[in-house]
């Protein structure tokens, strides 16, 4: 059940990250949400690897885990935008 909640949270974080990066109209909401979910998981995984609190899925939903996921989603959206547009926005 926890993974389903994290997918939903990742989707919302992907949408928020696309609004922050101003890519919501350029790439489409579906791509932004998918990239956001992947970025959120990667951000959480990397934070867990470095021992940052709140970085793993097993740590539950908390403010630090949401912020880590948001940063991961923003970074991955910037990378995708870099390859799709030639420069980050």
PDB file of N, CA and C in Angstrom:
ATOM      1  N   UNK A   1       0.822  -1.196   0.000  1.00  0.00           N
ATOM      2  CA  UNK A   1       0.000   0.000   0.000  1.00  0.00           C
ATOM      3  C   UNK A   1       0.862   1.255   0.000  1.00  0.00           C
ATOM      4  N   UNK A   2       2.026   1.185   0.657  1.00  0.00           N
ATOM      5  CA  UNK A   2       2.897   2.350   0.738  1.00  0.00           C
ATOM      6  C   UNK A   2       3.402   2.800  -0.620  1.00  0.00           C
ATOM      7  N   UNK A   3       3.658   1.845  -1.520  1.00  0.00           N
ATOM      8  CA  UNK A   3       4.174   2.195  -2.845  1.00  0.00           C
ATOM      9  C   UNK A   3       3.116   2.938  -3.654  1.00  0.00           C
ATOM     10  N   UNK A   4       1.852   2.581  -3.490  1.00  0.00           N
ATOM     11  CA  UNK A   4       0.772   3.275  -4.208  1.00  0.00           C
ATOM     12  C   UNK A   4       0.664   4.716  -3.732  1.00  0.00           C
ATOM     13  N   UNK A   5       0.772   4.917  -2.443  1.00  0.00           N
ATOM     14  CA  UNK A   5       0.722   6.278  -1.903  1.00  0.00           C
ATOM     15  C   UNK A   5       1.911   7.082  -2.400  1.00  0.00           C
ATOM     16  N   UNK A   6       3.089   6.452  -2.450  1.00  0.00           N
ATOM     17  CA  UNK A   6       4.266   7.159  -2.957  1.00  0.00           C
ATOM     18  C   UNK A   6       4.127   7.486  -4.434  1.00  0.00           C
ATOM     19  N   UNK A   7       3.472   6.639  -5.219  1.00  0.00           N
ATOM     20  CA  UNK A   7       3.226   6.953  -6.628  1.00  0.00           C
ATOM     21  C   UNK A   7       2.307   8.164  -6.762  1.00  0.00           C
ATOM     22  N   UNK A   8       1.282   8.212  -5.930  1.00  0.00           N
ATOM     23  CA  UNK A   8       0.369   9.360  -5.954  1.00  0.00           C
ATOM     24  C   UNK A   8       1.099  10.623  -5.523  1.00  0.00           C
ATOM     25  N   UNK A   9       1.849  10.536  -4.434  1.00  0.00           N
ATOM     26  CA  UNK A   9       2.624  11.690  -3.963  1.00  0.00           C
ATOM     27  C   UNK A   9       3.644  12.101  -5.022  1.00  0.00           C
ATOM     28  N   UNK A  10       4.301  11.127  -5.645  1.00  0.00           N
ATOM     29  CA  UNK A  10       5.262  11.431  -6.707  1.00  0.00           C
ATOM     30  C   UNK A  10       4.607  12.126  -7.885  1.00  0.00           C
ATOM     31  N   UNK A  11       3.399  11.707  -8.234  1.00  0.00           N
ATOM     32  CA  UNK A  11       2.667  12.365  -9.311  1.00  0.00           C
ATOM     33  C   UNK A  11       2.340  13.808  -8.986  1.00  0.00           C
ATOM     34  N   UNK A  12       1.889  14.049  -7.767  1.00  0.00           N
ATOM     35  CA  UNK A  12       1.594  15.422  -7.341  1.00  0.00           C
ATOM     36  C   UNK A  12       2.878  16.247  -7.308  1.00  0.00           C
ATOM     37  N   UNK A  13       3.947  15.662  -6.809  1.00  0.00           N
ATOM     38  CA  UNK A  13       5.233  16.364  -6.765  1.00  0.00           C
ATOM     39  C   UNK A  13       5.724  16.653  -8.184  1.00  0.00           C
ATOM     40  N   UNK A  14       5.516  15.716  -9.107  1.00  0.00           N
ATOM     41  CA  UNK A  14       5.879  15.953 -10.499  1.00  0.00           C
ATOM     42  C   UNK A  14       5.115  17.120 -11.090  1.00  0.00           C
ATOM     43  N   UNK A  15       3.843  17.203 -10.771  1.00  0.00           N
ATOM     44  CA  UNK A  15       3.026  18.317 -11.250  1.00  0.00           C
ATOM     45  C   UNK A  15       3.519  19.631 -10.652  1.00  0.00           C
ATOM     46  N   UNK A  16       3.806  19.646  -9.343  1.00  0.00           N
ATOM     47  CA  UNK A  16       4.319  20.856  -8.687  1.00  0.00           C
ATOM     48  C   UNK A  16       5.678  21.242  -9.268  1.00  0.00           C
ATOM     49  N   UNK A  17       6.540  20.253  -9.474  1.00  0.00           N
ATOM     50  CA  UNK A  17       7.859  20.537 -10.052  1.00  0.00           C
ATOM     51  C   UNK A  17       7.727  21.114 -11.454  1.00  0.00           C
ATOM     52  N   UNK A  18       6.757  20.618 -12.229  1.00  0.00           N
ATOM     53  CA  UNK A  18       6.569  21.160 -13.580  1.00  0.00           C
ATOM     54  C   UNK A  18       6.077  22.599 -13.531  1.00  0.00           C
ATOM     55  N   UNK A  19       5.309  22.944 -12.510  1.00  0.00           N
ATOM     56  CA  UNK A  19       4.875  24.337 -12.346  1.00  0.00           C
ATOM     57  C   UNK A  19       6.066  25.213 -11.962  1.00  0.00           C
ATOM     58  N   UNK A  20       6.930  24.718 -11.086  1.00  0.00           N
ATOM     59  CA  UNK A  20       8.114  25.475 -10.672  1.00  0.00           C
ATOM     60  C   UNK A  20       9.053  25.672 -11.853  1.00  0.00           C
ATOM     61  N   UNK A  21       9.241  24.616 -12.645  1.00  0.00           N
ATOM     62  CA  UNK A  21      10.150  24.682 -13.795  1.00  0.00           C
ATOM     63  C   UNK A  21       9.497  25.332 -15.018  1.00  0.00           C
ATOM     64  N   UNK A  22       8.207  25.632 -14.911  1.00  0.00           N
ATOM     65  CA  UNK A  22       7.432  26.225 -16.007  1.00  0.00           C
ATOM     66  C   UNK A  22       7.468  25.358 -17.272  1.00  0.00           C
ATOM     67  N   UNK A  23       7.359  24.040 -17.075  1.00  0.00           N
ATOM     68  CA  UNK A  23       7.325  23.113 -18.204  1.00  0.00           C
ATOM     69  C   UNK A  23       5.959  22.463 -18.341  1.00  0.00           C
ATOM     70  N   UNK A  24       4.972  22.921 -17.564  1.00  0.00           N
ATOM     71  CA  UNK A  24       3.669  22.276 -17.561  1.00  0.00           C
ATOM     72  C   UNK A  24       2.973  22.348 -18.914  1.00  0.00           C
ATOM     73  N   UNK A  25       3.150  23.433 -19.669  1.00  0.00           N
ATOM     74  CA  UNK A  25       2.502  23.550 -20.959  1.00  0.00           C
ATOM     75  C   UNK A  25       3.341  23.027 -22.102  1.00  0.00           C
ATOM     76  N   UNK A  26       4.645  22.936 -21.910  1.00  0.00           N
ATOM     77  CA  UNK A  26       5.544  22.554 -22.997  1.00  0.00           C
ATOM     78  C   UNK A  26       5.585  21.052 -23.216  1.00  0.00           C
ATOM     79  N   UNK A  27       5.654  20.295 -22.172  1.00  0.00           N
ATOM     80  CA  UNK A  27       5.882  18.853 -22.280  1.00  0.00           C
ATOM     81  C   UNK A  27       4.621  18.042 -22.066  1.00  0.00           C
ATOM     82  N   UNK A  28       3.593  18.640 -21.548  1.00  0.00           N
ATOM     83  CA  UNK A  28       2.372  17.912 -21.259  1.00  0.00           C
ATOM     84  C   UNK A  28       2.375  17.372 -19.842  1.00  0.00           C
ATOM     85  N   UNK A  29       1.214  17.302 -19.260  1.00  0.00           N
ATOM     86  CA  UNK A  29       1.080  16.922 -17.855  1.00  0.00           C
ATOM     87  C   UNK A  29       1.491  15.469 -17.627  1.00  0.00           C
ATOM     88  N   UNK A  30       1.193  14.584 -18.569  1.00  0.00           N
ATOM     89  CA  UNK A  30       1.520  13.166 -18.373  1.00  0.00           C
ATOM     90  C   UNK A  30       3.028  12.967 -18.278  1.00  0.00           C
ATOM     91  N   UNK A  31       3.782  13.544 -19.212  1.00  0.00           N
ATOM     92  CA  UNK A  31       5.243  13.416 -19.168  1.00  0.00           C
ATOM     93  C   UNK A  31       5.800  14.038 -17.895  1.00  0.00           C
ATOM     94  N   UNK A  32       5.273  15.199 -17.500  1.00  0.00           N
ATOM     95  CA  UNK A  32       5.757  15.851 -16.290  1.00  0.00           C
ATOM     96  C   UNK A  32       5.491  15.010 -15.048  1.00  0.00           C
ATOM     97  N   UNK A  33       4.325  14.397 -14.969  1.00  0.00           N
ATOM     98  CA  UNK A  33       4.002  13.561 -13.809  1.00  0.00           C
ATOM     99  C   UNK A  33       4.884  12.316 -13.795  1.00  0.00           C
ATOM    100  N   UNK A  34       5.085  11.683 -14.955  1.00  0.00           N
ATOM    101  CA  UNK A  34       5.934  10.487 -15.007  1.00  0.00           C
ATOM    102  C   UNK A  34       7.372  10.833 -14.638  1.00  0.00           C
ATOM    103  N   UNK A  35       7.891  11.914 -15.217  1.00  0.00           N
ATOM    104  CA  UNK A  35       9.254  12.342 -14.880  1.00  0.00           C
ATOM    105  C   UNK A  35       9.325  12.725 -13.406  1.00  0.00           C
ATOM    106  N   UNK A  36       8.269  13.341 -12.887  1.00  0.00           N
ATOM    107  CA  UNK A  36       8.231  13.696 -11.469  1.00  0.00           C
ATOM    108  C   UNK A  36       8.260  12.483 -10.560  1.00  0.00           C
ATOM    109  N   UNK A  37       7.515  11.446 -10.930  1.00  0.00           N
ATOM    110  CA  UNK A  37       7.520  10.216 -10.130  1.00  0.00           C
ATOM    111  C   UNK A  37       8.906   9.590 -10.139  1.00  0.00           C
ATOM    112  N   UNK A  38       9.497   9.480 -11.328  1.00  0.00           N
ATOM    113  CA  UNK A  38      10.836   8.891 -11.432  1.00  0.00           C
ATOM    114  C   UNK A  38      11.857   9.747 -10.682  1.00  0.00           C
ATOM    115  N   UNK A  39      11.776  11.064 -10.857  1.00  0.00           N
ATOM    116  CA  UNK A  39      12.695  11.970 -10.161  1.00  0.00           C
ATOM    117  C   UNK A  39      12.538  11.910  -8.653  1.00  0.00           C
ATOM    118  N   UNK A  40      11.300  11.784  -8.193  1.00  0.00           N
ATOM    119  CA  UNK A  40      11.058  11.681  -6.757  1.00  0.00           C
ATOM    120  C   UNK A  40      11.671  10.399  -6.197  1.00  0.00           C
ATOM    121  N   UNK A  41      11.497   9.291  -6.917  1.00  0.00           N
ATOM    122  CA  UNK A  41      12.103   8.038  -6.469  1.00  0.00           C
ATOM    123  C   UNK A  41      13.624   8.110  -6.503  1.00  0.00           C
ATOM    124  N   UNK A  42      14.172   8.690  -7.572  1.00  0.00           N
ATOM    125  CA  UNK A  42      15.634   8.821  -7.655  1.00  0.00           C
ATOM    126  C   UNK A  42      16.172   9.729  -6.554  1.00  0.00           C
ATOM    127  N   UNK A  43      15.477  10.829  -6.296  1.00  0.00           N
ATOM    128  CA  UNK A  43      15.896  11.729  -5.220  1.00  0.00           C
ATOM    129  C   UNK A  43      15.872  11.034  -3.871  1.00  0.00           C
ATOM    130  N   UNK A  44      14.802  10.275  -3.620  1.00  0.00           N
ATOM    131  CA  UNK A  44      14.715   9.527  -2.369  1.00  0.00           C
ATOM    132  C   UNK A  44      15.770   8.446  -2.265  1.00  0.00           C
ATOM    133  N   UNK A  45      16.017   7.766  -3.382  1.00  0.00           N
ATOM    134  CA  UNK A  45      17.032   6.711  -3.391  1.00  0.00           C
ATOM    135  C   UNK A  45      18.421   7.289  -3.138  1.00  0.00           C
ATOM    136  N   UNK A  46      18.752   8.384  -3.823  1.00  0.00           N
ATOM    137  CA  UNK A  46      20.065   9.002  -3.622  1.00  0.00           C
ATOM    138  C   UNK A  46      20.220   9.541  -2.203  1.00  0.00           C
ATOM    139  N   UNK A  47      19.173  10.138  -1.671  1.00  0.00           N
ATOM    140  CA  UNK A  47      19.244  10.641  -0.297  1.00  0.00           C
ATOM    141  C   UNK A  47      19.449   9.492   0.681  1.00  0.00           C
ATOM    142  N   UNK A  48      18.772   8.367   0.442  1.00  0.00           N
ATOM    143  CA  UNK A  48      18.961   7.192   1.285  1.00  0.00           C
ATOM    144  C   UNK A  48      20.371   6.641   1.196  1.00  0.00           C
ATOM    145  N   UNK A  49      20.959   6.684  -0.008  1.00  0.00           N
ATOM    146  CA  UNK A  49      22.333   6.208  -0.198  1.00  0.00           C
ATOM    147  C   UNK A  49      23.332   7.073   0.571  1.00  0.00           C
ATOM    148  N   UNK A  50      23.040   8.362   0.667  1.00  0.00           N
ATOM    149  CA  UNK A  50      23.931   9.271   1.384  1.00  0.00           C
ATOM    150  C   UNK A  50      23.569   9.399   2.860  1.00  0.00           C
ATOM    151  N   UNK A  51      22.576   8.644   3.313  1.00  0.00           N
ATOM    152  CA  UNK A  51      22.210   8.640   4.718  1.00  0.00           C
ATOM    153  C   UNK A  51      21.423   9.856   5.173  1.00  0.00           C
ATOM    154  N   UNK A  52      20.802  10.546   4.240  1.00  0.00           N
ATOM    155  CA  UNK A  52      19.995  11.716   4.596  1.00  0.00           C
ATOM    156  C   UNK A  52      18.655  11.222   5.127  1.00  0.00           C
ATOM    157  N   UNK A  53      18.252  11.737   6.271  1.00  0.00           N
ATOM    158  CA  UNK A  53      17.011  11.305   6.908  1.00  0.00           C
ATOM    159  C   UNK A  53      15.823  11.593   5.998  1.00  0.00           C
ATOM    160  N   UNK A  54      14.884  10.666   5.952  1.00  0.00           N
ATOM    161  CA  UNK A  54      13.690  10.842   5.141  1.00  0.00           C
ATOM    162  C   UNK A  54      13.890  10.488   3.692  1.00  0.00           C
ATOM    163  N   UNK A  55      15.020   9.877   3.376  1.00  0.00           N
ATOM    164  CA  UNK A  55      15.331   9.602   1.991  1.00  0.00           C
ATOM    165  C   UNK A  55      14.765   8.317   1.429  1.00  0.00           C
ATOM    166  N   UNK A  56      14.350   7.396   2.274  1.00  0.00           N
ATOM    167  CA  UNK A  56      13.895   6.111   1.749  1.00  0.00           C
ATOM    168  C   UNK A  56      12.375   6.018   1.778  1.00  0.00           C
ATOM    169  N   UNK A  57      11.850   5.136   0.938  1.00  0.00           N
ATOM    170  CA  UNK A  57      10.403   4.946   0.880  1.00  0.00           C
ATOM    171  C   UNK A  57       9.893   4.411   2.210  1.00  0.00           C
ATOM    172  N   UNK A  58      10.677   3.580   2.855  1.00  0.00           N
ATOM    173  CA  UNK A  58      10.271   2.990   4.122  1.00  0.00           C
ATOM    174  C   UNK A  58      10.183   3.980   5.267  1.00  0.00           C
ATOM    175  N   UNK A  59      10.722   5.188   5.081  1.00  0.00           N
ATOM    176  CA  UNK A  59      10.692   6.170   6.165  1.00  0.00           C
ATOM    177  C   UNK A  59       9.339   6.851   6.289  1.00  0.00           C
ATOM    178  N   UNK A  60       8.422   6.589   5.374  1.00  0.00           N
ATOM    179  CA  UNK A  60       7.096   7.183   5.443  1.00  0.00           C
ATOM    180  C   UNK A  60       7.075   8.572   4.823  1.00  0.00           C
ATOM    181  N   UNK A  61       5.893   9.143   4.792  1.00  0.00           N
ATOM    182  CA  UNK A  61       5.736  10.474   4.207  1.00  0.00           C
ATOM    183  C   UNK A  61       5.948  11.505   5.298  1.00  0.00           C
ATOM    184  N   UNK A  62       6.925  12.367   5.070  1.00  0.00           N
ATOM    185  CA  UNK A  62       7.232  13.444   6.003  1.00  0.00           C
ATOM    186  C   UNK A  62       7.663  14.658   5.197  1.00  0.00           C
ATOM    187  N   UNK A  63       7.804  15.776   5.855  1.00  0.00           N
ATOM    188  CA  UNK A  63       8.237  17.001   5.175  1.00  0.00           C
ATOM    189  C   UNK A  63       9.606  16.807   4.520  1.00  0.00           C
ATOM    190  N   UNK A  64      10.613  16.250   5.228  1.00  0.00           N
ATOM    191  CA  UNK A  64      11.905  16.042   4.555  1.00  0.00           C
ATOM    192  C   UNK A  64      11.810  15.118   3.340  1.00  0.00           C
ATOM    193  N   UNK A  65      11.014  14.058   3.427  1.00  0.00           N
ATOM    194  CA  UNK A  65      10.906  13.142   2.288  1.00  0.00           C
ATOM    195  C   UNK A  65      10.209  13.808   1.104  1.00  0.00           C
ATOM    196  N   UNK A  66       9.223  14.646   1.371  1.00  0.00           N
ATOM    197  CA  UNK A  66       8.547  15.370   0.293  1.00  0.00           C
ATOM    198  C   UNK A  66       9.492  16.378  -0.342  1.00  0.00           C
ATOM    199  N   UNK A  67      10.276  17.077   0.465  1.00  0.00           N
ATOM    200  CA  UNK A  67      11.230  18.046  -0.084  1.00  0.00           C
ATOM    201  C   UNK A  67      12.314  17.358  -0.908  1.00  0.00           C
ATOM    202  N   UNK A  68      12.808  16.219  -0.432  1.00  0.00           N
ATOM    203  CA  UNK A  68      13.805  15.456  -1.187  1.00  0.00           C
ATOM    204  C   UNK A  68      13.212  15.002  -2.515  1.00  0.00           C
ATOM    205  N   UNK A  69      11.981  14.525  -2.494  1.00  0.00           N
ATOM    206  CA  UNK A  69      11.317  14.100  -3.720  1.00  0.00           C
ATOM    207  C   UNK A  69      11.112  15.261  -4.677  1.00  0.00           C
ATOM    208  N   UNK A  70      10.749  16.424  -4.147  1.00  0.00           N
ATOM    209  CA  UNK A  70      10.547  17.608  -4.982  1.00  0.00           C
ATOM    210  C   UNK A  70      11.849  18.028  -5.655  1.00  0.00           C
ATOM    211  N   UNK A  71      12.943  18.023  -4.903  1.00  0.00           N
ATOM    212  CA  UNK A  71      14.247  18.386  -5.474  1.00  0.00           C
ATOM    213  C   UNK A  71      14.647  17.381  -6.562  1.00  0.00           C
ATOM    214  N   UNK A  72      14.446  16.095  -6.297  1.00  0.00           N
ATOM    215  CA  UNK A  72      14.755  15.079  -7.304  1.00  0.00           C
ATOM    216  C   UNK A  72      13.927  15.254  -8.568  1.00  0.00           C
ATOM    217  N   UNK A  73      12.642  15.565  -8.405  1.00  0.00           N
ATOM    218  CA  UNK A  73      11.771  15.774  -9.561  1.00  0.00           C
ATOM    219  C   UNK A  73      12.172  17.012 -10.346  1.00  0.00           C
ATOM    220  N   UNK A  74      12.525  18.090  -9.650  1.00  0.00           N
ATOM    221  CA  UNK A  74      12.948  19.321 -10.328  1.00  0.00           C
ATOM    222  C   UNK A  74      14.231  19.077 -11.120  1.00  0.00           C
ATOM    223  N   UNK A  75      15.183  18.384 -10.512  1.00  0.00           N
ATOM    224  CA  UNK A  75      16.451  18.114 -11.202  1.00  0.00           C
ATOM    225  C   UNK A  75      16.217  17.252 -12.441  1.00  0.00           C
ATOM    226  N   UNK A  76      15.412  16.203 -12.312  1.00  0.00           N
ATOM    227  CA  UNK A  76      15.165  15.345 -13.468  1.00  0.00           C
ATOM    228  C   UNK A  76      14.375  16.085 -14.547  1.00  0.00           C
ATOM    229  N   UNK A  77      13.419  16.934 -14.161  1.00  0.00           N
ATOM    230  CA  UNK A  77      12.697  17.734 -15.153  1.00  0.00           C
ATOM    231  C   UNK A  77      13.641  18.691 -15.875  1.00  0.00           C
ATOM    232  N   UNK A  78      14.603  19.259 -15.151  1.00  0.00           N
ATOM    233  CA  UNK A  78      15.586  20.143 -15.790  1.00  0.00           C
ATOM    234  C   UNK A  78      16.435  19.369 -16.791  1.00  0.00           C
ATOM    235  N   UNK A  79      16.816  18.141 -16.437  1.00  0.00           N
ATOM    236  CA  UNK A  79      17.609  17.315 -17.349  1.00  0.00           C
ATOM    237  C   UNK A  79      16.796  16.961 -18.595  1.00  0.00           C
ATOM    238  N   UNK A  80      15.542  16.562 -18.401  1.00  0.00           N
ATOM    239  CA  UNK A  80      14.683  16.246 -19.546  1.00  0.00           C
ATOM    240  C   UNK A  80      14.486  17.483 -20.412  1.00  0.00           C
ATOM    241  N   UNK A  81      14.253  18.627 -19.780  1.00  0.00           N
ATOM    242  CA  UNK A  81      14.071  19.874 -20.521  1.00  0.00           C
ATOM    243  C   UNK A  81      15.341  20.238 -21.285  1.00  0.00           C
ATOM    244  N   UNK A  82      16.489  19.963 -20.705  1.00  0.00           N
ATOM    245  CA  UNK A  82      17.759  20.244 -21.368  1.00  0.00           C
ATOM    246  C   UNK A  82      17.883  19.447 -22.671  1.00  0.00           C
ATOM    247  N   UNK A  83      17.492  18.185 -22.625  1.00  0.00           N
ATOM    248  CA  UNK A  83      17.579  17.351 -23.819  1.00  0.00           C
ATOM    249  C   UNK A  83      16.470  17.648 -24.827  1.00  0.00           C
ATOM    250  N   UNK A  84      15.317  18.076 -24.343  1.00  0.00           N
ATOM    251  CA  UNK A  84      14.209  18.345 -25.262  1.00  0.00           C
ATOM    252  C   UNK A  84      14.288  19.732 -25.884  1.00  0.00           C
ATOM    253  N   UNK A  85      14.810  20.699 -25.166  1.00  0.00           N
ATOM    254  CA  UNK A  85      14.828  22.074 -25.638  1.00  0.00           C
ATOM    255  C   UNK A  85      16.222  22.608 -25.923  1.00  0.00           C
ATOM    256  N   UNK A  86      17.249  21.933 -25.424  1.00  0.00           N
ATOM    257  CA  UNK A  86      18.607  22.403 -25.640  1.00  0.00           C
ATOM    258  C   UNK A  86      19.143  23.252 -24.510  1.00  0.00           C
ATOM    259  N   UNK A  87      18.277  23.685 -23.594  1.00  0.00           N
ATOM    260  CA  UNK A  87      18.734  24.474 -22.445  1.00  0.00           C
ATOM    261  C   UNK A  87      17.670  24.429 -21.350  1.00  0.00           C
ATOM    262  N   UNK A  88      18.086  24.473 -20.076  1.00  0.00           N
ATOM    263  CA  UNK A  88      17.098  24.489 -18.993  1.00  0.00           C
ATOM    264  C   UNK A  88      16.423  25.843 -18.926  1.00  0.00           C
ATOM    265  N   UNK A  89      15.185  25.840 -18.471  1.00  0.00           N
ATOM    266  CA  UNK A  89      14.439  27.096 -18.366  1.00  0.00           C
ATOM    267  C   UNK A  89      14.272  27.473 -16.936  1.00  0.00           C
TER     268      UNK A  89
END
